[in-house]
Amino acid sequence: MVWKPDVTVAALVQRAGRFLIVEERIGGRLVLNQPAGHVEDGESLCAAVIRETLEETAWHFEPEALLGLYLWRSPRGHSTLRIAFLGSVITHEPQRALDPPVQAAHWLSRDELAARRAQLRTPLVLRCIDDCIAGQRLPLSALASDLLDGMAAGPAAPEPPGNRAPP
């Protein structure tokens, strides 16, 4: 069987010791998560995380670094590959409607989230925050430029002739 994980992006924004978190209703239950969502066909990773953050929080997100790649398998056996970005929010549109199933956006500390561990959508919520607090970061240039929409990565290095795939 071919393994086909969902590919998602997540935004980690820290401000004054608090993280931007969404509260969403999933399967009838209120859960907490970073602004996150699926990458649409033909969309770059950076475009996806910018779009998802705006749709879920009404904040305009600016990716600054790659936090990491995370693989999570749900109790039902479904796999998700999460690409997490660190960045900042620039402007807010408080009158903007949030995309369902998001109920609200909050700024919560790591301790506040840990106290609500049972409400986290997945264990990746705290794992990404802990990695952020620990200073884990990769430059956006660690991703191929076509995954970034040209953001901060600069032009892609030309491929040596011997490494090209046959036409």
N, C-alpha and C. Protein backbone atom coordinates (compact mmCIF):
# COMPACT_ATOMS: atom_id res chain seq x y z
N MET A 1 0.85 -1.18 0.00
CA MET A 1 0.00 0.00 0.00
C MET A 1 0.89 1.25 0.00
N VAL A 2 0.49 2.24 -0.76
CA VAL A 2 1.23 3.49 -0.83
C VAL A 2 0.85 4.36 0.37
N TRP A 3 1.86 4.89 1.04
CA TRP A 3 1.66 5.75 2.19
C TRP A 3 1.41 7.17 1.70
N LYS A 4 0.31 7.78 2.12
CA LYS A 4 -0.05 9.13 1.67
C LYS A 4 -0.43 9.99 2.87
N PRO A 5 0.56 10.58 3.54
CA PRO A 5 0.21 11.45 4.68
C PRO A 5 -0.38 12.76 4.19
N ASP A 6 -1.20 13.38 5.03
CA ASP A 6 -1.64 14.74 4.76
C ASP A 6 -0.44 15.65 4.96
N VAL A 7 -0.27 16.63 4.10
CA VAL A 7 0.79 17.62 4.24
C VAL A 7 0.14 18.89 4.75
N THR A 8 0.60 19.33 5.93
CA THR A 8 0.05 20.54 6.53
C THR A 8 1.17 21.51 6.87
N VAL A 9 0.80 22.76 7.06
CA VAL A 9 1.71 23.80 7.53
C VAL A 9 1.16 24.35 8.84
N ALA A 10 2.05 24.87 9.67
CA ALA A 10 1.63 25.49 10.93
C ALA A 10 2.48 26.72 11.18
N ALA A 11 1.87 27.73 11.79
CA ALA A 11 2.56 28.98 12.11
C ALA A 11 2.77 29.07 13.62
N LEU A 12 4.00 29.33 14.02
CA LEU A 12 4.30 29.58 15.43
C LEU A 12 4.70 31.04 15.57
N VAL A 13 3.88 31.75 16.33
CA VAL A 13 4.11 33.17 16.57
C VAL A 13 4.18 33.36 18.07
N GLN A 14 5.30 33.91 18.53
CA GLN A 14 5.47 34.16 19.97
C GLN A 14 5.57 35.67 20.17
N ARG A 15 4.81 36.15 21.15
CA ARG A 15 4.83 37.57 21.48
C ARG A 15 4.68 37.69 22.99
N ALA A 16 5.66 38.31 23.62
CA ALA A 16 5.63 38.54 25.07
C ALA A 16 5.35 37.26 25.85
N GLY A 17 6.00 36.15 25.43
CA GLY A 17 5.87 34.89 26.15
C GLY A 17 4.59 34.13 25.87
N ARG A 18 3.81 34.61 24.93
CA ARG A 18 2.55 33.94 24.58
C ARG A 18 2.58 33.56 23.10
N PHE A 19 1.82 32.52 22.79
CA PHE A 19 1.78 32.00 21.43
C PHE A 19 0.38 32.18 20.85
N LEU A 20 0.34 32.47 19.55
CA LEU A 20 -0.92 32.61 18.84
C LEU A 20 -1.51 31.21 18.64
N ILE A 21 -2.71 31.01 19.19
CA ILE A 21 -3.36 29.71 19.20
C ILE A 21 -4.79 29.86 18.69
N VAL A 22 -5.26 28.85 17.98
CA VAL A 22 -6.66 28.85 17.56
C VAL A 22 -7.43 27.82 18.37
N GLU A 23 -8.67 28.18 18.64
CA GLU A 23 -9.60 27.26 19.29
C GLU A 23 -10.59 26.86 18.21
N GLU A 24 -10.67 25.57 17.94
CA GLU A 24 -11.51 25.09 16.86
C GLU A 24 -12.36 23.91 17.30
N ARG A 25 -13.50 23.77 16.65
CA ARG A 25 -14.40 22.66 16.97
C ARG A 25 -14.15 21.55 15.95
N ILE A 26 -13.61 20.43 16.45
CA ILE A 26 -13.30 19.28 15.62
C ILE A 26 -14.04 18.07 16.19
N GLY A 27 -14.87 17.46 15.40
CA GLY A 27 -15.63 16.30 15.86
C GLY A 27 -16.48 16.60 17.09
N GLY A 28 -17.03 17.81 17.15
CA GLY A 28 -17.88 18.20 18.27
C GLY A 28 -17.13 18.61 19.52
N ARG A 29 -15.82 18.64 19.47
CA ARG A 29 -14.98 18.94 20.63
C ARG A 29 -14.17 20.20 20.37
N LEU A 30 -14.05 21.09 21.37
CA LEU A 30 -13.20 22.27 21.24
C LEU A 30 -11.75 21.88 21.51
N VAL A 31 -10.88 22.17 20.55
CA VAL A 31 -9.46 21.84 20.68
C VAL A 31 -8.61 23.07 20.40
N LEU A 32 -7.37 23.01 20.86
CA LEU A 32 -6.41 24.11 20.67
C LEU A 32 -5.31 23.65 19.72
N ASN A 33 -4.88 24.57 18.86
CA ASN A 33 -3.88 24.25 17.86
C ASN A 33 -3.18 25.53 17.44
N GLN A 34 -2.03 25.40 16.81
CA GLN A 34 -1.44 26.55 16.13
C GLN A 34 -2.30 26.81 14.89
N PRO A 35 -2.24 28.03 14.35
CA PRO A 35 -2.87 28.24 13.05
C PRO A 35 -2.22 27.25 12.07
N ALA A 36 -3.02 26.42 11.44
CA ALA A 36 -2.47 25.35 10.62
C ALA A 36 -3.51 24.87 9.62
N GLY A 37 -3.03 24.21 8.59
CA GLY A 37 -3.96 23.65 7.62
C GLY A 37 -3.25 22.99 6.47
N HIS A 38 -4.04 22.47 5.57
CA HIS A 38 -3.53 21.73 4.43
C HIS A 38 -2.96 22.66 3.36
N VAL A 39 -1.96 22.15 2.67
CA VAL A 39 -1.39 22.84 1.52
C VAL A 39 -2.27 22.50 0.33
N GLU A 40 -2.72 23.52 -0.38
CA GLU A 40 -3.57 23.31 -1.55
C GLU A 40 -2.71 22.97 -2.77
N ASP A 41 -3.31 22.27 -3.71
CA ASP A 41 -2.61 21.87 -4.92
C ASP A 41 -2.03 23.09 -5.63
N GLY A 42 -0.74 23.05 -5.93
CA GLY A 42 -0.08 24.14 -6.62
C GLY A 42 0.37 25.28 -5.73
N GLU A 43 0.10 25.20 -4.44
CA GLU A 43 0.43 26.28 -3.50
C GLU A 43 1.79 26.02 -2.88
N SER A 44 2.59 27.07 -2.69
CA SER A 44 3.87 26.91 -2.01
C SER A 44 3.62 26.78 -0.51
N LEU A 45 4.60 26.26 0.20
CA LEU A 45 4.48 26.11 1.66
C LEU A 45 4.30 27.46 2.34
N CYS A 46 5.07 28.44 1.91
CA CYS A 46 4.95 29.78 2.53
C CYS A 46 3.59 30.40 2.24
N ALA A 47 3.13 30.28 1.01
CA ALA A 47 1.81 30.83 0.68
C ALA A 47 0.73 30.14 1.53
N ALA A 48 0.87 28.84 1.74
CA ALA A 48 -0.12 28.10 2.53
C ALA A 48 -0.14 28.56 3.98
N VAL A 49 1.03 28.73 4.60
CA VAL A 49 1.05 29.12 6.01
C VAL A 49 0.58 30.57 6.20
N ILE A 50 0.88 31.42 5.25
CA ILE A 50 0.39 32.81 5.30
C ILE A 50 -1.13 32.81 5.18
N ARG A 51 -1.67 32.06 4.21
CA ARG A 51 -3.11 31.99 3.99
C ARG A 51 -3.83 31.39 5.20
N GLU A 52 -3.34 30.25 5.68
CA GLU A 52 -4.00 29.58 6.81
C GLU A 52 -4.02 30.47 8.05
N THR A 53 -2.93 31.17 8.32
CA THR A 53 -2.89 32.04 9.50
C THR A 53 -3.90 33.17 9.38
N LEU A 54 -3.98 33.77 8.21
CA LEU A 54 -4.95 34.84 8.00
C LEU A 54 -6.38 34.31 8.14
N GLU A 55 -6.67 33.18 7.50
CA GLU A 55 -8.02 32.63 7.54
C GLU A 55 -8.44 32.24 8.96
N GLU A 56 -7.50 31.74 9.75
CA GLU A 56 -7.86 31.21 11.07
C GLU A 56 -7.72 32.21 12.21
N THR A 57 -6.95 33.30 12.01
CA THR A 57 -6.71 34.24 13.11
C THR A 57 -6.99 35.69 12.77
N ALA A 58 -7.11 36.01 11.48
CA ALA A 58 -7.24 37.39 10.99
C ALA A 58 -5.95 38.18 11.16
N TRP A 59 -4.84 37.49 11.41
CA TRP A 59 -3.52 38.12 11.49
C TRP A 59 -2.75 37.83 10.20
N HIS A 60 -2.00 38.81 9.71
CA HIS A 60 -1.12 38.64 8.56
C HIS A 60 0.22 38.13 9.07
N PHE A 61 0.59 36.93 8.66
CA PHE A 61 1.79 36.23 9.13
C PHE A 61 2.94 36.42 8.15
N GLU A 62 4.13 36.62 8.71
CA GLU A 62 5.34 36.72 7.90
C GLU A 62 6.31 35.63 8.34
N PRO A 63 6.50 34.57 7.53
CA PRO A 63 7.45 33.51 7.89
C PRO A 63 8.87 34.05 7.95
N GLU A 64 9.60 33.64 9.01
CA GLU A 64 10.98 34.09 9.18
C GLU A 64 11.98 32.94 9.25
N ALA A 65 11.51 31.75 9.64
CA ALA A 65 12.39 30.60 9.75
C ALA A 65 11.56 29.33 9.70
N LEU A 66 12.22 28.24 9.42
CA LEU A 66 11.59 26.93 9.45
C LEU A 66 11.87 26.33 10.82
N LEU A 67 10.82 25.97 11.55
CA LEU A 67 11.00 25.32 12.85
C LEU A 67 11.36 23.86 12.67
N GLY A 68 10.66 23.16 11.81
CA GLY A 68 10.96 21.76 11.57
C GLY A 68 9.86 21.03 10.85
N LEU A 69 10.13 19.75 10.59
CA LEU A 69 9.19 18.84 9.97
C LEU A 69 8.79 17.83 11.03
N TYR A 70 7.50 17.57 11.15
CA TYR A 70 6.98 16.70 12.21
C TYR A 70 6.03 15.69 11.61
N LEU A 71 6.16 14.44 12.03
CA LEU A 71 5.27 13.38 11.57
C LEU A 71 4.44 12.92 12.75
N TRP A 72 3.13 12.88 12.56
CA TRP A 72 2.24 12.43 13.62
C TRP A 72 1.27 11.41 13.06
N ARG A 73 1.09 10.33 13.80
CA ARG A 73 0.11 9.31 13.42
C ARG A 73 -1.01 9.36 14.44
N SER A 74 -2.23 9.58 13.97
CA SER A 74 -3.39 9.67 14.85
C SER A 74 -3.70 8.29 15.42
N PRO A 75 -4.48 8.24 16.49
CA PRO A 75 -4.89 6.94 17.04
C PRO A 75 -5.63 6.07 16.01
N ARG A 76 -6.24 6.72 15.01
CA ARG A 76 -6.94 5.97 13.95
C ARG A 76 -5.98 5.47 12.87
N GLY A 77 -4.68 5.83 12.98
CA GLY A 77 -3.69 5.37 12.02
C GLY A 77 -3.45 6.30 10.85
N HIS A 78 -4.05 7.49 10.87
CA HIS A 78 -3.85 8.46 9.79
C HIS A 78 -2.58 9.27 10.06
N SER A 79 -1.76 9.49 9.03
CA SER A 79 -0.50 10.21 9.20
C SER A 79 -0.59 11.63 8.66
N THR A 80 0.06 12.54 9.39
CA THR A 80 0.16 13.94 8.98
C THR A 80 1.62 14.36 9.03
N LEU A 81 2.10 14.95 7.95
CA LEU A 81 3.42 15.56 7.90
C LEU A 81 3.21 17.06 8.05
N ARG A 82 3.72 17.61 9.16
CA ARG A 82 3.54 19.03 9.48
C ARG A 82 4.84 19.77 9.22
N ILE A 83 4.77 20.85 8.44
CA ILE A 83 5.90 21.74 8.23
C ILE A 83 5.60 22.99 9.04
N ALA A 84 6.40 23.21 10.09
CA ALA A 84 6.13 24.31 11.02
C ALA A 84 7.08 25.48 10.75
N PHE A 85 6.50 26.67 10.70
CA PHE A 85 7.25 27.90 10.45
C PHE A 85 7.19 28.80 11.67
N LEU A 86 8.27 29.50 11.91
CA LEU A 86 8.32 30.57 12.92
C LEU A 86 8.18 31.89 12.18
N GLY A 87 7.54 32.84 12.82
CA GLY A 87 7.42 34.14 12.19
C GLY A 87 6.73 35.13 13.10
N SER A 88 6.36 36.23 12.50
CA SER A 88 5.69 37.28 13.27
C SER A 88 4.41 37.67 12.55
N VAL A 89 3.54 38.31 13.30
CA VAL A 89 2.32 38.83 12.69
C VAL A 89 2.50 40.33 12.53
N ILE A 90 2.00 40.83 11.42
CA ILE A 90 2.25 42.21 11.05
C ILE A 90 1.04 43.08 11.36
N THR A 91 -0.08 42.74 10.75
CA THR A 91 -1.30 43.52 10.96
C THR A 91 -2.44 42.57 11.29
N HIS A 92 -3.46 43.13 11.91
CA HIS A 92 -4.62 42.35 12.33
C HIS A 92 -5.87 42.94 11.70
N GLU A 93 -6.78 42.09 11.28
CA GLU A 93 -8.07 42.49 10.75
C GLU A 93 -9.15 41.98 11.71
N PRO A 94 -9.37 42.67 12.84
CA PRO A 94 -10.28 42.15 13.87
C PRO A 94 -11.72 41.93 13.40
N GLN A 95 -12.14 42.60 12.34
CA GLN A 95 -13.52 42.43 11.85
C GLN A 95 -13.65 41.25 10.88
N ARG A 96 -12.52 40.67 10.48
CA ARG A 96 -12.52 39.56 9.53
C ARG A 96 -13.13 38.31 10.18
N ALA A 97 -14.03 37.65 9.47
CA ALA A 97 -14.62 36.40 9.96
C ALA A 97 -13.58 35.30 9.88
N LEU A 98 -13.51 34.47 10.92
CA LEU A 98 -12.57 33.34 10.95
C LEU A 98 -13.20 32.14 10.25
N ASP A 99 -12.37 31.41 9.54
CA ASP A 99 -12.87 30.23 8.81
C ASP A 99 -13.32 29.15 9.79
N PRO A 100 -14.48 28.57 9.51
CA PRO A 100 -14.90 27.42 10.32
C PRO A 100 -13.88 26.30 10.10
N PRO A 101 -13.56 25.53 11.07
CA PRO A 101 -14.21 25.35 12.36
C PRO A 101 -13.62 26.21 13.49
N VAL A 102 -12.83 27.24 13.14
CA VAL A 102 -12.21 28.07 14.17
C VAL A 102 -13.27 28.90 14.88
N GLN A 103 -13.22 28.87 16.20
CA GLN A 103 -14.15 29.62 17.03
C GLN A 103 -13.54 30.95 17.49
N ALA A 104 -12.22 30.92 17.78
CA ALA A 104 -11.54 32.12 18.28
C ALA A 104 -10.03 31.93 18.18
N ALA A 105 -9.32 33.04 18.22
CA ALA A 105 -7.85 33.03 18.31
C ALA A 105 -7.48 33.60 19.68
N HIS A 106 -6.45 33.02 20.28
CA HIS A 106 -6.01 33.43 21.62
C HIS A 106 -4.49 33.56 21.64
N TRP A 107 -4.00 34.31 22.61
CA TRP A 107 -2.57 34.36 22.92
C TRP A 107 -2.40 33.65 24.26
N LEU A 108 -1.75 32.47 24.24
CA LEU A 108 -1.60 31.66 25.45
C LEU A 108 -0.13 31.32 25.70
N SER A 109 0.23 31.24 26.96
CA SER A 109 1.59 30.85 27.32
C SER A 109 1.76 29.34 27.21
N ARG A 110 2.98 28.89 27.22
CA ARG A 110 3.26 27.46 27.19
C ARG A 110 2.63 26.78 28.40
N ASP A 111 2.73 27.42 29.57
CA ASP A 111 2.16 26.84 30.79
C ASP A 111 0.64 26.75 30.70
N GLU A 112 0.00 27.75 30.14
CA GLU A 112 -1.45 27.71 29.98
C GLU A 112 -1.87 26.56 29.05
N LEU A 113 -1.09 26.35 28.01
CA LEU A 113 -1.39 25.24 27.09
C LEU A 113 -1.13 23.90 27.75
N ALA A 114 -0.04 23.80 28.50
CA ALA A 114 0.27 22.54 29.19
C ALA A 114 -0.83 22.18 30.18
N ALA A 115 -1.40 23.19 30.83
CA ALA A 115 -2.48 22.96 31.78
C ALA A 115 -3.75 22.48 31.07
N ARG A 116 -3.84 22.73 29.78
CA ARG A 116 -5.01 22.31 29.00
C ARG A 116 -4.63 21.21 28.01
N ARG A 117 -3.64 20.41 28.38
CA ARG A 117 -3.09 19.37 27.50
C ARG A 117 -4.18 18.48 26.88
N ALA A 118 -5.19 18.15 27.65
CA ALA A 118 -6.26 17.28 27.14
C ALA A 118 -7.04 17.95 26.01
N GLN A 119 -6.93 19.26 25.89
CA GLN A 119 -7.65 20.01 24.86
C GLN A 119 -6.82 20.24 23.60
N LEU A 120 -5.54 19.84 23.60
CA LEU A 120 -4.69 20.06 22.44
C LEU A 120 -5.14 19.14 21.30
N ARG A 121 -5.14 19.67 20.09
CA ARG A 121 -5.57 18.87 18.94
C ARG A 121 -4.66 17.67 18.74
N THR A 122 -3.35 17.90 18.85
CA THR A 122 -2.37 16.81 18.76
C THR A 122 -1.21 17.13 19.70
N PRO A 123 -0.38 16.14 19.99
CA PRO A 123 0.81 16.40 20.80
C PRO A 123 1.81 17.34 20.12
N LEU A 124 1.65 17.55 18.81
CA LEU A 124 2.57 18.44 18.09
C LEU A 124 2.45 19.89 18.56
N VAL A 125 1.33 20.28 19.13
CA VAL A 125 1.15 21.66 19.57
C VAL A 125 2.24 22.01 20.59
N LEU A 126 2.37 21.23 21.65
CA LEU A 126 3.40 21.52 22.66
C LEU A 126 4.79 21.19 22.15
N ARG A 127 4.93 20.15 21.34
CA ARG A 127 6.26 19.81 20.84
C ARG A 127 6.84 20.96 20.02
N CYS A 128 6.03 21.56 19.16
CA CYS A 128 6.51 22.70 18.36
C CYS A 128 6.84 23.89 19.25
N ILE A 129 6.03 24.15 20.25
CA ILE A 129 6.31 25.26 21.17
C ILE A 129 7.60 25.00 21.93
N ASP A 130 7.80 23.78 22.40
CA ASP A 130 9.03 23.46 23.12
C ASP A 130 10.25 23.61 22.22
N ASP A 131 10.14 23.19 20.96
CA ASP A 131 11.25 23.37 20.02
C ASP A 131 11.52 24.84 19.76
N CYS A 132 10.47 25.64 19.67
CA CYS A 132 10.62 27.09 19.49
C CYS A 132 11.34 27.70 20.69
N ILE A 133 10.88 27.37 21.89
CA ILE A 133 11.49 27.91 23.11
C ILE A 133 12.96 27.48 23.22
N ALA A 134 13.26 26.27 22.77
CA ALA A 134 14.63 25.75 22.82
C ALA A 134 15.55 26.42 21.79
N GLY A 135 14.97 27.23 20.90
CA GLY A 135 15.78 27.96 19.92
C GLY A 135 16.00 27.22 18.62
N GLN A 136 15.26 26.16 18.37
CA GLN A 136 15.41 25.41 17.13
C GLN A 136 14.95 26.27 15.96
N ARG A 137 15.79 26.40 14.95
CA ARG A 137 15.45 27.20 13.77
C ARG A 137 16.33 26.77 12.60
N LEU A 138 15.74 26.79 11.44
CA LEU A 138 16.49 26.60 10.20
C LEU A 138 16.15 27.78 9.30
N PRO A 139 17.09 28.21 8.47
CA PRO A 139 16.75 29.32 7.56
C PRO A 139 15.72 28.85 6.54
N LEU A 140 14.91 29.77 6.08
CA LEU A 140 13.94 29.43 5.04
C LEU A 140 14.63 28.87 3.81
N SER A 141 15.88 29.25 3.59
CA SER A 141 16.62 28.75 2.43
C SER A 141 16.89 27.25 2.52
N ALA A 142 16.57 26.61 3.66
CA ALA A 142 16.70 25.15 3.77
C ALA A 142 15.67 24.46 2.87
N LEU A 143 14.62 25.20 2.49
CA LEU A 143 13.60 24.66 1.60
C LEU A 143 13.91 25.11 0.17
N ALA A 144 13.59 24.26 -0.78
CA ALA A 144 13.77 24.62 -2.18
C ALA A 144 12.96 25.87 -2.50
N SER A 145 13.48 26.71 -3.35
CA SER A 145 12.84 28.00 -3.61
C SER A 145 11.42 27.86 -4.14
N ASP A 146 11.10 26.79 -4.87
CA ASP A 146 9.73 26.65 -5.37
C ASP A 146 8.74 26.34 -4.26
N LEU A 147 9.22 25.95 -3.09
CA LEU A 147 8.34 25.73 -1.93
C LEU A 147 8.09 27.03 -1.17
N LEU A 148 8.86 28.06 -1.50
CA LEU A 148 8.82 29.31 -0.76
C LEU A 148 8.20 30.48 -1.51
N ASP A 149 7.88 30.34 -2.76
CA ASP A 149 7.43 31.48 -3.57
C ASP A 149 8.53 32.52 -3.67
N GLY A 150 9.80 32.11 -3.59
CA GLY A 150 10.91 33.03 -3.69
C GLY A 150 11.20 33.82 -2.43
N MET A 151 10.49 33.56 -1.32
CA MET A 151 10.70 34.32 -0.08
C MET A 151 12.06 33.98 0.54
N ALA A 152 12.91 34.92 0.68
CA ALA A 152 14.15 34.85 1.44
C ALA A 152 15.09 33.73 1.02
N ALA A 153 14.70 32.90 0.10
CA ALA A 153 15.56 31.78 -0.26
C ALA A 153 16.53 32.15 -1.36
N GLY A 154 16.20 33.15 -2.14
CA GLY A 154 17.03 33.50 -3.27
C GLY A 154 16.82 32.50 -4.39
N PRO A 155 17.55 32.68 -5.49
CA PRO A 155 17.36 31.78 -6.62
C PRO A 155 17.88 30.38 -6.30
N ALA A 156 17.25 29.41 -6.90
CA ALA A 156 17.70 28.03 -6.72
C ALA A 156 19.03 27.85 -7.44
N ALA A 157 19.91 27.08 -6.85
CA ALA A 157 21.19 26.78 -7.49
C ALA A 157 20.93 25.89 -8.69
N PRO A 158 21.64 26.14 -9.80
CA PRO A 158 21.43 25.28 -10.96
C PRO A 158 21.87 23.85 -10.64
N GLU A 159 21.17 22.90 -11.18
CA GLU A 159 21.49 21.50 -10.97
C GLU A 159 22.63 21.11 -11.88
N PRO A 160 23.62 20.36 -11.36
CA PRO A 160 24.70 19.90 -12.23
C PRO A 160 24.12 19.03 -13.36
N PRO A 161 24.69 19.13 -14.57
CA PRO A 161 24.11 18.40 -15.72
C PRO A 161 23.96 16.91 -15.46
N GLY A 162 24.89 16.26 -14.77
CA GLY A 162 24.82 14.82 -14.54
C GLY A 162 23.71 14.39 -13.59
N ASN A 163 23.10 15.34 -12.85
CA ASN A 163 22.06 14.99 -11.87
C ASN A 163 20.65 15.21 -12.38
N ARG A 164 20.52 15.65 -13.60
CA ARG A 164 19.18 15.94 -14.12
C ARG A 164 18.44 14.65 -14.45
N ALA A 165 17.14 14.67 -14.21
CA ALA A 165 16.32 13.53 -14.58
C ALA A 165 16.15 13.52 -16.09
N PRO A 166 16.06 12.36 -16.67
CA PRO A 166 15.87 12.31 -18.13
C PRO A 166 14.51 12.92 -18.49
N PRO A 167 14.42 13.54 -19.68
CA PRO A 167 13.15 14.16 -20.10
C PRO A 167 12.06 13.14 -20.32
